[in-house]
Amino acid sequence: MKPALLSLLILCSGCGYHTAGKANLLPSDLRTLAVLAFVNQTQTYKVEQTLTAAVVQEFSTRTSYRVVSQPDSADAVLRGTVLATSTTPLTYDSKTGRAASVLVIVSMSVSLADKQGKVLYQNPAYVFREQYQVSQELSSFFEEDSPAFDRLSREFARTLVSNVLEAF
């Protein structure tokens, strides 16, 4: 009985499972990562800057890679494109007829390639959504779309870094 159990444990120990968020399946010689400013193909002001900054912050805090902005000094280059943005009212105030909550949707394409141009990771169809409430009080009016884009950018960056490291 014991040899069978021992054999099973040995077989299972090399199964390839790992704790989510802890793997790094990128090449071991990769030390420096260039995150280029995302390209904005939309009319949404500075959305690419918010997304790029969130990705740089996430790679800097979660990995040991040195993050740079120039591709010539990097072992790999991350490129991103904001393909589309939209805002859609979700609910309306029954008294005023104005939007009470809004959904922001951002579509992006991202790729990571090494110095030789070999694609290490690619996802041409990221879609992220964030909802926010619209203030009904004109005296205390505060536009919530910028904080919504900030929250969306941080969530996108967390997802992207996890996906890159775990090769999803």
N, C-alpha and C. Protein backbone atom coordinates (compact mmCIF):
# COMPACT_ATOMS: atom_id res chain seq x y z
N MET A 1 0.81 -1.19 0.00
CA MET A 1 0.00 0.00 0.00
C MET A 1 0.86 1.25 0.00
N LYS A 2 1.90 1.28 0.82
CA LYS A 2 2.74 2.46 0.91
C LYS A 2 3.48 2.73 -0.41
N PRO A 3 4.03 1.72 -1.08
CA PRO A 3 4.71 2.01 -2.35
C PRO A 3 3.77 2.61 -3.39
N ALA A 4 2.52 2.17 -3.41
CA ALA A 4 1.55 2.70 -4.36
C ALA A 4 1.26 4.17 -4.06
N LEU A 5 1.08 4.49 -2.79
CA LEU A 5 0.82 5.87 -2.39
C LEU A 5 2.02 6.76 -2.69
N LEU A 6 3.21 6.25 -2.43
CA LEU A 6 4.43 6.99 -2.72
C LEU A 6 4.55 7.24 -4.23
N SER A 7 4.26 6.25 -5.02
CA SER A 7 4.31 6.40 -6.48
C SER A 7 3.32 7.45 -6.97
N LEU A 8 2.13 7.43 -6.40
CA LEU A 8 1.11 8.41 -6.78
C LEU A 8 1.55 9.82 -6.42
N LEU A 9 2.13 9.99 -5.25
CA LEU A 9 2.61 11.31 -4.83
C LEU A 9 3.73 11.81 -5.74
N ILE A 10 4.61 10.93 -6.13
CA ILE A 10 5.71 11.31 -7.03
C ILE A 10 5.17 11.73 -8.38
N LEU A 11 4.21 10.99 -8.90
CA LEU A 11 3.62 11.33 -10.19
C LEU A 11 2.89 12.66 -10.14
N CYS A 12 2.15 12.89 -9.07
CA CYS A 12 1.36 14.12 -8.95
C CYS A 12 2.22 15.34 -8.68
N SER A 13 3.39 15.15 -8.11
CA SER A 13 4.22 16.31 -7.76
C SER A 13 4.73 17.03 -8.99
N GLY A 14 4.81 16.39 -10.11
CA GLY A 14 5.30 17.04 -11.33
C GLY A 14 4.21 17.34 -12.32
N CYS A 15 2.98 17.52 -11.87
CA CYS A 15 1.85 17.66 -12.79
C CYS A 15 1.79 19.03 -13.46
N GLY A 16 2.51 20.02 -12.97
CA GLY A 16 2.52 21.33 -13.62
C GLY A 16 1.56 22.33 -13.02
N TYR A 17 0.78 21.94 -12.04
CA TYR A 17 -0.12 22.90 -11.40
C TYR A 17 0.69 23.82 -10.50
N HIS A 18 0.21 25.06 -10.38
CA HIS A 18 0.89 26.03 -9.54
C HIS A 18 -0.15 26.99 -8.97
N THR A 19 0.25 27.73 -7.98
CA THR A 19 -0.63 28.71 -7.37
C THR A 19 -0.80 29.87 -8.33
N ALA A 20 -2.03 30.28 -8.56
CA ALA A 20 -2.31 31.39 -9.47
C ALA A 20 -1.57 32.63 -9.01
N GLY A 21 -0.98 33.35 -9.98
CA GLY A 21 -0.29 34.59 -9.67
C GLY A 21 1.16 34.41 -9.26
N LYS A 22 1.65 33.18 -9.19
CA LYS A 22 3.01 32.94 -8.73
C LYS A 22 3.93 32.44 -9.83
N ALA A 23 3.39 32.01 -10.94
CA ALA A 23 4.22 31.46 -12.01
C ALA A 23 4.82 32.58 -12.84
N ASN A 24 5.91 32.28 -13.50
CA ASN A 24 6.47 33.18 -14.49
C ASN A 24 6.97 32.30 -15.62
N LEU A 25 6.21 32.26 -16.69
CA LEU A 25 6.53 31.38 -17.81
C LEU A 25 7.28 32.11 -18.93
N LEU A 26 7.73 33.32 -18.67
CA LEU A 26 8.53 34.06 -19.65
C LEU A 26 9.95 33.51 -19.64
N PRO A 27 10.72 33.74 -20.71
CA PRO A 27 12.10 33.26 -20.74
C PRO A 27 12.92 33.75 -19.55
N SER A 28 13.76 32.89 -19.02
CA SER A 28 14.53 33.22 -17.82
C SER A 28 15.58 34.31 -18.06
N ASP A 29 15.98 34.53 -19.30
CA ASP A 29 16.98 35.55 -19.58
C ASP A 29 16.37 36.95 -19.76
N LEU A 30 15.07 37.06 -19.65
CA LEU A 30 14.40 38.35 -19.78
C LEU A 30 14.57 39.13 -18.48
N ARG A 31 15.23 40.27 -18.56
CA ARG A 31 15.49 41.10 -17.38
C ARG A 31 14.87 42.50 -17.50
N THR A 32 14.85 43.01 -18.73
CA THR A 32 14.38 44.38 -18.96
C THR A 32 13.20 44.35 -19.91
N LEU A 33 12.15 45.07 -19.53
CA LEU A 33 10.92 45.08 -20.30
C LEU A 33 10.58 46.52 -20.67
N ALA A 34 10.43 46.77 -21.97
CA ALA A 34 10.01 48.10 -22.42
C ALA A 34 8.50 48.09 -22.58
N VAL A 35 7.85 49.02 -21.90
CA VAL A 35 6.41 49.19 -22.07
C VAL A 35 6.24 50.49 -22.85
N LEU A 36 5.88 50.35 -24.12
CA LEU A 36 5.71 51.52 -24.96
C LEU A 36 4.36 52.16 -24.68
N ALA A 37 4.29 53.47 -24.89
CA ALA A 37 3.02 54.17 -24.72
C ALA A 37 1.99 53.55 -25.65
N PHE A 38 0.84 53.20 -25.10
CA PHE A 38 -0.20 52.60 -25.91
C PHE A 38 -0.63 53.57 -27.00
N VAL A 39 -1.07 53.03 -28.11
CA VAL A 39 -1.60 53.83 -29.21
C VAL A 39 -3.09 53.99 -28.97
N ASN A 40 -3.59 55.19 -29.16
CA ASN A 40 -5.01 55.46 -28.96
C ASN A 40 -5.69 55.66 -30.30
N GLN A 41 -6.54 54.71 -30.69
CA GLN A 41 -7.29 54.82 -31.94
C GLN A 41 -8.71 55.32 -31.69
N THR A 42 -8.91 55.95 -30.53
CA THR A 42 -10.24 56.44 -30.17
C THR A 42 -10.22 57.94 -29.99
N GLN A 43 -11.37 58.50 -29.70
CA GLN A 43 -11.48 59.92 -29.41
C GLN A 43 -11.44 60.21 -27.92
N THR A 44 -11.25 59.18 -27.09
CA THR A 44 -11.24 59.36 -25.64
C THR A 44 -9.90 59.95 -25.22
N TYR A 45 -9.97 61.10 -24.60
CA TYR A 45 -8.79 61.88 -24.23
C TYR A 45 -7.94 61.16 -23.18
N LYS A 46 -6.68 60.94 -23.48
CA LYS A 46 -5.66 60.41 -22.57
C LYS A 46 -5.93 59.01 -22.02
N VAL A 47 -6.84 58.26 -22.60
CA VAL A 47 -7.10 56.91 -22.09
C VAL A 47 -5.86 56.03 -22.24
N GLU A 48 -5.10 56.23 -23.30
CA GLU A 48 -3.89 55.44 -23.52
C GLU A 48 -2.83 55.73 -22.46
N GLN A 49 -2.76 56.98 -21.99
CA GLN A 49 -1.81 57.33 -20.94
C GLN A 49 -2.16 56.67 -19.62
N THR A 50 -3.44 56.64 -19.30
CA THR A 50 -3.90 56.00 -18.06
C THR A 50 -3.61 54.51 -18.10
N LEU A 51 -3.89 53.86 -19.22
CA LEU A 51 -3.65 52.42 -19.36
C LEU A 51 -2.16 52.10 -19.31
N THR A 52 -1.35 52.87 -20.03
CA THR A 52 0.10 52.63 -20.04
C THR A 52 0.68 52.79 -18.63
N ALA A 53 0.30 53.84 -17.94
CA ALA A 53 0.81 54.09 -16.59
C ALA A 53 0.43 52.96 -15.65
N ALA A 54 -0.78 52.45 -15.76
CA ALA A 54 -1.22 51.35 -14.90
C ALA A 54 -0.43 50.08 -15.18
N VAL A 55 -0.14 49.81 -16.43
CA VAL A 55 0.64 48.62 -16.80
C VAL A 55 2.07 48.75 -16.30
N VAL A 56 2.69 49.90 -16.46
CA VAL A 56 4.05 50.13 -15.96
C VAL A 56 4.07 49.93 -14.44
N GLN A 57 3.12 50.52 -13.75
CA GLN A 57 3.05 50.38 -12.29
C GLN A 57 2.90 48.92 -11.87
N GLU A 58 2.05 48.19 -12.56
CA GLU A 58 1.81 46.78 -12.19
C GLU A 58 3.04 45.92 -12.45
N PHE A 59 3.71 46.10 -13.58
CA PHE A 59 4.94 45.33 -13.84
C PHE A 59 6.02 45.71 -12.84
N SER A 60 6.10 46.99 -12.49
CA SER A 60 7.14 47.44 -11.55
C SER A 60 6.92 46.87 -10.15
N THR A 61 5.68 46.80 -9.71
CA THR A 61 5.42 46.36 -8.35
C THR A 61 5.31 44.84 -8.22
N ARG A 62 4.88 44.16 -9.27
CA ARG A 62 4.63 42.71 -9.16
C ARG A 62 5.76 41.83 -9.68
N THR A 63 6.68 42.40 -10.43
CA THR A 63 7.75 41.59 -11.02
C THR A 63 9.11 42.18 -10.69
N SER A 64 10.13 41.44 -11.01
CA SER A 64 11.49 41.93 -10.80
C SER A 64 12.09 42.52 -12.08
N TYR A 65 11.28 42.64 -13.12
CA TYR A 65 11.78 43.20 -14.37
C TYR A 65 12.05 44.70 -14.21
N ARG A 66 13.11 45.14 -14.88
CA ARG A 66 13.37 46.58 -14.95
C ARG A 66 12.51 47.10 -16.09
N VAL A 67 11.61 48.01 -15.80
CA VAL A 67 10.68 48.53 -16.80
C VAL A 67 11.23 49.84 -17.35
N VAL A 68 11.35 49.89 -18.67
CA VAL A 68 11.88 51.07 -19.35
C VAL A 68 10.89 51.50 -20.43
N SER A 69 11.15 52.67 -21.01
CA SER A 69 10.25 53.15 -22.07
C SER A 69 10.88 53.07 -23.46
N GLN A 70 12.17 52.78 -23.52
CA GLN A 70 12.87 52.71 -24.81
C GLN A 70 13.10 51.25 -25.22
N PRO A 71 12.63 50.85 -26.39
CA PRO A 71 12.75 49.44 -26.80
C PRO A 71 14.17 48.98 -27.09
N ASP A 72 15.08 49.89 -27.45
CA ASP A 72 16.44 49.47 -27.81
C ASP A 72 17.25 48.97 -26.61
N SER A 73 16.84 49.30 -25.39
CA SER A 73 17.57 48.86 -24.21
C SER A 73 16.84 47.74 -23.46
N ALA A 74 15.88 47.09 -24.12
CA ALA A 74 15.06 46.09 -23.44
C ALA A 74 15.21 44.70 -24.06
N ASP A 75 14.97 43.69 -23.23
CA ASP A 75 14.97 42.30 -23.70
C ASP A 75 13.66 41.94 -24.40
N ALA A 76 12.59 42.64 -24.04
CA ALA A 76 11.28 42.41 -24.66
C ALA A 76 10.51 43.72 -24.66
N VAL A 77 9.57 43.83 -25.60
CA VAL A 77 8.80 45.06 -25.76
C VAL A 77 7.31 44.74 -25.71
N LEU A 78 6.59 45.47 -24.85
CA LEU A 78 5.14 45.34 -24.75
C LEU A 78 4.52 46.51 -25.50
N ARG A 79 3.63 46.18 -26.43
CA ARG A 79 2.92 47.19 -27.20
C ARG A 79 1.42 47.00 -26.99
N GLY A 80 0.71 48.12 -26.93
CA GLY A 80 -0.73 48.04 -26.77
C GLY A 80 -1.42 49.09 -27.61
N THR A 81 -2.64 48.77 -27.99
CA THR A 81 -3.46 49.69 -28.77
C THR A 81 -4.86 49.72 -28.17
N VAL A 82 -5.34 50.93 -27.92
CA VAL A 82 -6.73 51.09 -27.49
C VAL A 82 -7.55 51.13 -28.76
N LEU A 83 -8.36 50.10 -28.96
CA LEU A 83 -9.10 49.95 -30.21
C LEU A 83 -10.43 50.69 -30.20
N ALA A 84 -11.11 50.68 -29.06
CA ALA A 84 -12.43 51.32 -28.98
C ALA A 84 -12.76 51.65 -27.53
N THR A 85 -13.51 52.72 -27.36
CA THR A 85 -14.07 53.06 -26.06
C THR A 85 -15.53 53.45 -26.28
N SER A 86 -16.33 53.14 -25.30
CA SER A 86 -17.73 53.57 -25.38
C SER A 86 -18.28 53.78 -23.99
N THR A 87 -19.25 54.66 -23.89
CA THR A 87 -19.98 54.87 -22.65
C THR A 87 -21.46 54.71 -22.98
N THR A 88 -22.13 53.92 -22.15
CA THR A 88 -23.53 53.63 -22.38
C THR A 88 -24.32 53.83 -21.09
N PRO A 89 -25.37 54.62 -21.12
CA PRO A 89 -26.20 54.76 -19.92
C PRO A 89 -26.81 53.40 -19.55
N LEU A 90 -26.79 53.09 -18.26
CA LEU A 90 -27.38 51.84 -17.79
C LEU A 90 -28.74 52.08 -17.16
N THR A 91 -28.82 53.11 -16.34
CA THR A 91 -30.09 53.44 -15.69
C THR A 91 -30.34 54.94 -15.81
N TYR A 92 -31.60 55.28 -15.67
CA TYR A 92 -32.00 56.68 -15.79
C TYR A 92 -32.74 57.10 -14.52
N ASP A 93 -32.63 58.38 -14.18
CA ASP A 93 -33.39 58.96 -13.07
C ASP A 93 -34.82 59.16 -13.56
N SER A 94 -35.78 58.60 -12.84
CA SER A 94 -37.18 58.66 -13.29
C SER A 94 -37.75 60.08 -13.23
N LYS A 95 -37.19 60.94 -12.40
CA LYS A 95 -37.70 62.31 -12.27
C LYS A 95 -37.15 63.23 -13.35
N THR A 96 -35.84 63.10 -13.62
CA THR A 96 -35.21 64.03 -14.57
C THR A 96 -35.03 63.44 -15.96
N GLY A 97 -35.02 62.13 -16.06
CA GLY A 97 -34.77 61.50 -17.35
C GLY A 97 -33.29 61.43 -17.71
N ARG A 98 -32.45 61.94 -16.82
CA ARG A 98 -31.00 61.92 -17.05
C ARG A 98 -30.43 60.56 -16.68
N ALA A 99 -29.28 60.24 -17.24
CA ALA A 99 -28.60 58.99 -16.90
C ALA A 99 -28.21 59.01 -15.43
N ALA A 100 -28.44 57.90 -14.74
CA ALA A 100 -28.07 57.77 -13.34
C ALA A 100 -26.81 56.93 -13.17
N SER A 101 -26.61 55.98 -14.06
CA SER A 101 -25.37 55.19 -14.06
C SER A 101 -24.96 54.92 -15.50
N VAL A 102 -23.66 54.79 -15.67
CA VAL A 102 -23.08 54.66 -17.00
C VAL A 102 -22.08 53.50 -17.00
N LEU A 103 -22.01 52.81 -18.10
CA LEU A 103 -21.05 51.73 -18.29
C LEU A 103 -19.99 52.19 -19.29
N VAL A 104 -18.71 52.10 -18.87
CA VAL A 104 -17.58 52.41 -19.75
C VAL A 104 -17.01 51.09 -20.25
N ILE A 105 -16.79 50.99 -21.55
CA ILE A 105 -16.21 49.78 -22.15
C ILE A 105 -14.98 50.19 -22.95
N VAL A 106 -13.87 49.49 -22.71
CA VAL A 106 -12.63 49.76 -23.44
C VAL A 106 -12.14 48.45 -24.05
N SER A 107 -11.82 48.49 -25.34
CA SER A 107 -11.27 47.33 -26.05
C SER A 107 -9.82 47.62 -26.41
N MET A 108 -8.95 46.63 -26.17
CA MET A 108 -7.52 46.82 -26.40
C MET A 108 -6.91 45.59 -27.06
N SER A 109 -5.77 45.83 -27.67
CA SER A 109 -4.93 44.77 -28.23
C SER A 109 -3.55 44.93 -27.62
N VAL A 110 -2.94 43.81 -27.20
CA VAL A 110 -1.63 43.86 -26.55
C VAL A 110 -0.75 42.74 -27.09
N SER A 111 0.54 43.04 -27.26
CA SER A 111 1.49 41.99 -27.61
C SER A 111 2.84 42.26 -26.93
N LEU A 112 3.51 41.17 -26.61
CA LEU A 112 4.84 41.22 -26.00
C LEU A 112 5.75 40.39 -26.89
N ALA A 113 6.83 41.00 -27.36
CA ALA A 113 7.77 40.30 -28.24
C ALA A 113 9.19 40.50 -27.73
N ASP A 114 10.04 39.49 -27.94
CA ASP A 114 11.44 39.61 -27.53
C ASP A 114 12.22 40.40 -28.57
N LYS A 115 13.54 40.54 -28.37
CA LYS A 115 14.40 41.33 -29.26
C LYS A 115 14.38 40.83 -30.69
N GLN A 116 14.23 39.53 -30.84
CA GLN A 116 14.23 38.93 -32.18
C GLN A 116 12.87 39.01 -32.85
N GLY A 117 11.89 39.52 -32.17
CA GLY A 117 10.55 39.65 -32.73
C GLY A 117 9.63 38.47 -32.45
N LYS A 118 10.13 37.49 -31.69
CA LYS A 118 9.30 36.34 -31.35
C LYS A 118 8.22 36.79 -30.36
N VAL A 119 6.98 36.49 -30.68
CA VAL A 119 5.87 36.89 -29.83
C VAL A 119 5.83 35.98 -28.61
N LEU A 120 5.95 36.59 -27.43
CA LEU A 120 5.92 35.85 -26.17
C LEU A 120 4.51 35.79 -25.60
N TYR A 121 3.73 36.82 -25.92
CA TYR A 121 2.34 36.87 -25.45
C TYR A 121 1.58 37.80 -26.39
N GLN A 122 0.31 37.44 -26.63
CA GLN A 122 -0.51 38.30 -27.48
C GLN A 122 -1.98 38.09 -27.15
N ASN A 123 -2.71 39.18 -27.08
CA ASN A 123 -4.16 39.12 -26.94
C ASN A 123 -4.74 40.29 -27.72
N PRO A 124 -5.34 40.01 -28.87
CA PRO A 124 -5.87 41.09 -29.70
C PRO A 124 -7.26 41.57 -29.29
N ALA A 125 -7.82 40.99 -28.22
CA ALA A 125 -9.22 41.30 -27.91
C ALA A 125 -9.51 41.42 -26.41
N TYR A 126 -8.76 42.26 -25.73
CA TYR A 126 -9.10 42.55 -24.33
C TYR A 126 -10.32 43.47 -24.31
N VAL A 127 -11.28 43.18 -23.46
CA VAL A 127 -12.43 44.05 -23.26
C VAL A 127 -12.65 44.19 -21.76
N PHE A 128 -12.65 45.44 -21.29
CA PHE A 128 -12.87 45.71 -19.87
C PHE A 128 -14.01 46.69 -19.72
N ARG A 129 -14.78 46.49 -18.64
CA ARG A 129 -15.95 47.32 -18.36
C ARG A 129 -15.87 47.87 -16.95
N GLU A 130 -16.39 49.08 -16.78
CA GLU A 130 -16.46 49.69 -15.45
C GLU A 130 -17.72 50.55 -15.40
N GLN A 131 -18.46 50.42 -14.33
CA GLN A 131 -19.70 51.17 -14.15
C GLN A 131 -19.45 52.33 -13.18
N TYR A 132 -20.14 53.44 -13.38
CA TYR A 132 -20.08 54.53 -12.42
C TYR A 132 -21.43 55.24 -12.33
N GLN A 133 -21.62 55.90 -11.20
CA GLN A 133 -22.85 56.64 -10.94
C GLN A 133 -22.65 58.09 -11.37
N VAL A 134 -23.69 58.67 -11.94
CA VAL A 134 -23.66 60.07 -12.35
C VAL A 134 -24.31 60.89 -11.25
N SER A 135 -23.63 61.96 -10.83
CA SER A 135 -24.16 62.82 -9.78
C SER A 135 -25.41 63.53 -10.29
N GLN A 136 -26.45 63.53 -9.48
CA GLN A 136 -27.70 64.22 -9.84
C GLN A 136 -27.75 65.63 -9.25
N GLU A 137 -26.83 65.93 -8.33
CA GLU A 137 -26.77 67.24 -7.70
C GLU A 137 -25.84 68.14 -8.50
N LEU A 138 -26.41 69.14 -9.16
CA LEU A 138 -25.58 70.03 -9.96
C LEU A 138 -24.62 70.85 -9.12
N SER A 139 -25.00 71.18 -7.88
CA SER A 139 -24.13 71.99 -7.02
C SER A 139 -22.88 71.22 -6.60
N SER A 140 -22.98 69.91 -6.50
CA SER A 140 -21.82 69.11 -6.11
C SER A 140 -21.38 68.22 -7.28
N PHE A 141 -21.55 68.72 -8.48
CA PHE A 141 -21.27 67.92 -9.66
C PHE A 141 -19.81 67.51 -9.73
N PHE A 142 -19.60 66.22 -9.86
CA PHE A 142 -18.26 65.66 -10.01
C PHE A 142 -18.34 64.59 -11.07
N GLU A 143 -17.60 64.77 -12.13
CA GLU A 143 -17.64 63.80 -13.22
C GLU A 143 -16.88 62.56 -12.81
N GLU A 144 -17.52 61.43 -12.85
CA GLU A 144 -16.98 60.16 -12.36
C GLU A 144 -16.29 59.34 -13.45
N ASP A 145 -16.29 59.81 -14.69
CA ASP A 145 -15.72 58.97 -15.74
C ASP A 145 -14.20 58.81 -15.62
N SER A 146 -13.48 59.83 -15.18
CA SER A 146 -12.03 59.69 -15.02
C SER A 146 -11.66 58.67 -13.94
N PRO A 147 -12.28 58.72 -12.75
CA PRO A 147 -12.01 57.66 -11.77
C PRO A 147 -12.42 56.27 -12.28
N ALA A 148 -13.47 56.21 -13.08
CA ALA A 148 -13.89 54.92 -13.65
C ALA A 148 -12.82 54.39 -14.59
N PHE A 149 -12.25 55.27 -15.42
CA PHE A 149 -11.16 54.85 -16.31
C PHE A 149 -9.93 54.43 -15.50
N ASP A 150 -9.67 55.11 -14.39
CA ASP A 150 -8.55 54.72 -13.52
C ASP A 150 -8.76 53.32 -12.96
N ARG A 151 -9.96 53.05 -12.45
CA ARG A 151 -10.26 51.71 -11.90
C ARG A 151 -10.16 50.65 -12.99
N LEU A 152 -10.71 50.95 -14.15
CA LEU A 152 -10.65 50.02 -15.28
C LEU A 152 -9.20 49.76 -15.67
N SER A 153 -8.37 50.79 -15.69
CA SER A 153 -6.96 50.65 -16.07
C SER A 153 -6.20 49.77 -15.09
N ARG A 154 -6.45 49.95 -13.80
CA ARG A 154 -5.78 49.12 -12.79
C ARG A 154 -6.19 47.66 -12.92
N GLU A 155 -7.46 47.41 -13.15
CA GLU A 155 -7.94 46.03 -13.32
C GLU A 155 -7.36 45.41 -14.58
N PHE A 156 -7.32 46.18 -15.66
CA PHE A 156 -6.70 45.70 -16.89
C PHE A 156 -5.23 45.36 -16.66
N ALA A 157 -4.49 46.23 -15.99
CA ALA A 157 -3.07 46.01 -15.74
C ALA A 157 -2.85 44.75 -14.91
N ARG A 158 -3.63 44.55 -13.86
CA ARG A 158 -3.51 43.33 -13.04
C ARG A 158 -3.75 42.09 -13.88
N THR A 159 -4.78 42.13 -14.69
CA THR A 159 -5.12 40.98 -15.56
C THR A 159 -4.02 40.74 -16.59
N LEU A 160 -3.57 41.80 -17.23
CA LEU A 160 -2.54 41.67 -18.26
C LEU A 160 -1.26 41.06 -17.69
N VAL A 161 -0.77 41.57 -16.57
CA VAL A 161 0.47 41.06 -15.98
C VAL A 161 0.30 39.60 -15.60
N SER A 162 -0.81 39.23 -15.02
CA SER A 162 -1.06 37.83 -14.69
C SER A 162 -1.08 36.97 -15.94
N ASN A 163 -1.75 37.43 -16.97
CA ASN A 163 -1.83 36.67 -18.22
C ASN A 163 -0.46 36.51 -18.87
N VAL A 164 0.34 37.57 -18.87
CA VAL A 164 1.68 37.51 -19.47
C VAL A 164 2.56 36.52 -18.70
N LEU A 165 2.54 36.63 -17.38
CA LEU A 165 3.41 35.77 -16.56
C LEU A 165 2.98 34.31 -16.62
N GLU A 166 1.70 34.05 -16.73
CA GLU A 166 1.20 32.67 -16.71
C GLU A 166 0.85 32.14 -18.09
N ALA A 167 1.14 32.93 -19.13
CA ALA A 167 0.97 32.51 -20.53
C ALA A 167 -0.45 32.07 -20.86
N PHE A 168 -1.42 32.84 -20.39
CA PHE A 168 -2.82 32.54 -20.72
C PHE A 168 -3.18 33.14 -22.04
